Amino acid sequence: MRLSQFISGCFGIVGFVVSTIAGLYADNSFNSVLLHAILAAVLCYFLGWVIGLMAQATAAEQARHIADKVAALDAEQEAKKLAREHDDDQNAADAAAAAAQEASGSGSTNAVGT
């Protein structure tokens, strides 16, 4: 849905209704009330269209800003996850190397000791 079209439609309807009610309370003729209500509806429609365009641009800019923040946060979290996985892999490799060295070292100690 286009925000500018929605807002301009609402403004037009409100302008028509307010103008009609004001004309009826002023005891104006039916033709005068209807003419002024239509003019008010058209003017309020265009005013609402301009306001709607500004609101639509603001909403789109805000959505882009939030999307950029979310993307940056996701990238940061992914980088931390990869760093953690790298550290875990490095620790596992170091532990395996130490176990292999100890296993080969303990085997040679037994051979030398006998």
Protein backbone atom coordinates (compact mmCIF):
# COMPACT_ATOMS: atom_id res chain seq x y z
CA MET A 1 0.00 0.00 0.00
CA ARG A 2 1.26 3.43 -0.86
CA LEU A 3 1.33 5.64 2.21
CA SER A 4 0.85 8.87 0.25
CA GLN A 5 -2.34 7.59 -1.41
CA PHE A 6 -3.77 6.44 1.90
CA ILE A 7 -3.04 9.71 3.69
CA SER A 8 -4.31 11.86 0.80
CA GLY A 9 -7.55 9.86 0.68
CA CYS A 10 -8.06 10.33 4.42
CA PHE A 11 -7.36 14.06 4.17
CA GLY A 12 -9.80 14.41 1.25
CA ILE A 13 -12.61 12.64 3.07
CA VAL A 14 -12.05 14.59 6.27
CA GLY A 15 -11.97 17.87 4.32
CA PHE A 16 -15.24 17.02 2.60
CA VAL A 17 -16.99 16.00 5.83
CA VAL A 18 -15.79 18.99 7.85
CA SER A 19 -16.71 21.43 5.08
CA THR A 20 -20.16 19.85 4.68
CA ILE A 21 -20.88 20.00 8.40
CA ALA A 22 -19.65 23.61 8.65
CA GLY A 23 -21.78 24.63 5.67
CA LEU A 24 -24.89 22.96 7.07
CA TYR A 25 -24.44 24.63 10.47
CA ALA A 26 -24.05 27.98 8.71
CA ASP A 27 -27.41 27.44 6.96
CA ASN A 28 -25.88 27.82 3.50
CA SER A 29 -27.71 26.61 0.42
CA PHE A 30 -27.27 23.02 -0.70
CA ASN A 31 -25.41 24.06 -3.88
CA SER A 32 -23.03 26.27 -1.91
CA VAL A 33 -22.35 23.58 0.70
CA LEU A 34 -21.70 20.94 -1.95
CA LEU A 35 -19.44 23.19 -4.03
CA HIS A 36 -17.38 24.24 -1.02
CA ALA A 37 -17.20 20.64 0.26
CA ILE A 38 -15.88 19.41 -3.11
CA LEU A 39 -13.31 22.20 -3.25
CA ALA A 40 -12.23 21.46 0.31
CA ALA A 41 -11.95 17.75 -0.52
CA VAL A 42 -9.72 18.45 -3.53
CA LEU A 43 -7.49 20.87 -1.64
CA CYS A 44 -7.20 18.54 1.36
CA TYR A 45 -6.46 15.62 -0.98
CA PHE A 46 -3.48 17.44 -2.50
CA LEU A 47 -2.29 18.60 0.92
CA GLY A 48 -2.54 15.01 2.17
CA TRP A 49 -0.67 13.78 -0.92
CA VAL A 50 2.28 16.08 -0.16
CA ILE A 51 2.29 15.10 3.51
CA GLY A 52 1.99 11.44 2.51
CA LEU A 53 5.01 11.69 0.20
CA MET A 54 7.06 13.16 3.04
CA ALA A 55 5.88 10.45 5.44
CA GLN A 56 6.61 7.73 2.89
CA ALA A 57 10.13 9.04 2.29
CA THR A 58 10.75 9.25 6.03
CA ALA A 59 9.48 5.71 6.60
CA ALA A 60 11.66 4.34 3.77
CA GLU A 61 14.72 6.12 5.13
CA GLN A 62 14.07 4.79 8.61
CA ALA A 63 13.61 1.25 7.26
CA ARG A 64 16.95 1.48 5.41
CA HIS A 65 18.64 2.77 8.56
CA ILE A 66 17.27 -0.10 10.66
CA ALA A 67 18.19 -2.65 7.97
CA ASP A 68 21.77 -1.33 7.91
CA LYS A 69 22.01 -1.57 11.71
CA VAL A 70 20.66 -5.13 11.69
CA ALA A 71 23.07 -6.14 8.91
CA ALA A 72 26.02 -4.68 10.80
CA LEU A 73 24.98 -6.45 14.00
CA ASP A 74 24.57 -9.75 12.14
CA ALA A 75 28.01 -9.35 10.54
CA GLU A 76 29.55 -8.61 13.93
CA GLN A 77 27.92 -11.65 15.51
CA GLU A 78 29.02 -13.85 12.61
CA ALA A 79 32.60 -12.59 12.94
CA LYS A 80 32.57 -13.37 16.68
CA LYS A 81 31.17 -16.84 15.98
CA LEU A 82 33.86 -17.54 13.39
CA ALA A 83 36.57 -16.30 15.77
CA ARG A 84 35.22 -18.55 18.53
CA GLU A 85 35.15 -21.54 16.17
CA HIS A 86 38.69 -20.77 15.05
CA ASP A 87 39.86 -20.58 18.67
CA ASP A 88 38.09 -23.87 19.46
CA ASP A 89 39.69 -25.53 16.43
CA GLN A 90 43.10 -24.16 17.42
CA ASN A 91 42.71 -25.39 20.99
CA ALA A 92 41.62 -28.82 19.77
CA ALA A 93 44.61 -28.99 17.40
CA ASP A 94 46.98 -27.94 20.20
CA ALA A 95 45.48 -30.55 22.54
CA ALA A 96 45.78 -33.25 19.87
CA ALA A 97 49.40 -32.27 19.17
CA ALA A 98 50.21 -32.32 22.89
CA ALA A 99 48.53 -35.72 23.28
CA ALA A 100 50.42 -37.09 20.27
CA GLN A 101 53.70 -35.71 21.60
CA GLU A 102 53.04 -37.12 25.04
CA ALA A 103 52.08 -40.48 23.57
CA SER A 104 55.24 -40.62 21.49
CA GLY A 105 57.31 -39.31 24.41
CA SER A 106 55.94 -41.86 26.89
CA GLY A 107 56.51 -44.69 24.43
CA SER A 108 60.18 -43.75 23.96
CA THR A 109 60.62 -43.38 27.73
CA ASN A 110 59.46 -46.95 28.20
CA ALA A 111 61.81 -48.15 25.48
CA VAL A 112 64.74 -46.25 26.94
CA GLY A 113 63.92 -47.34 30.48
CA THR A 114 63.99 -51.03 29.67
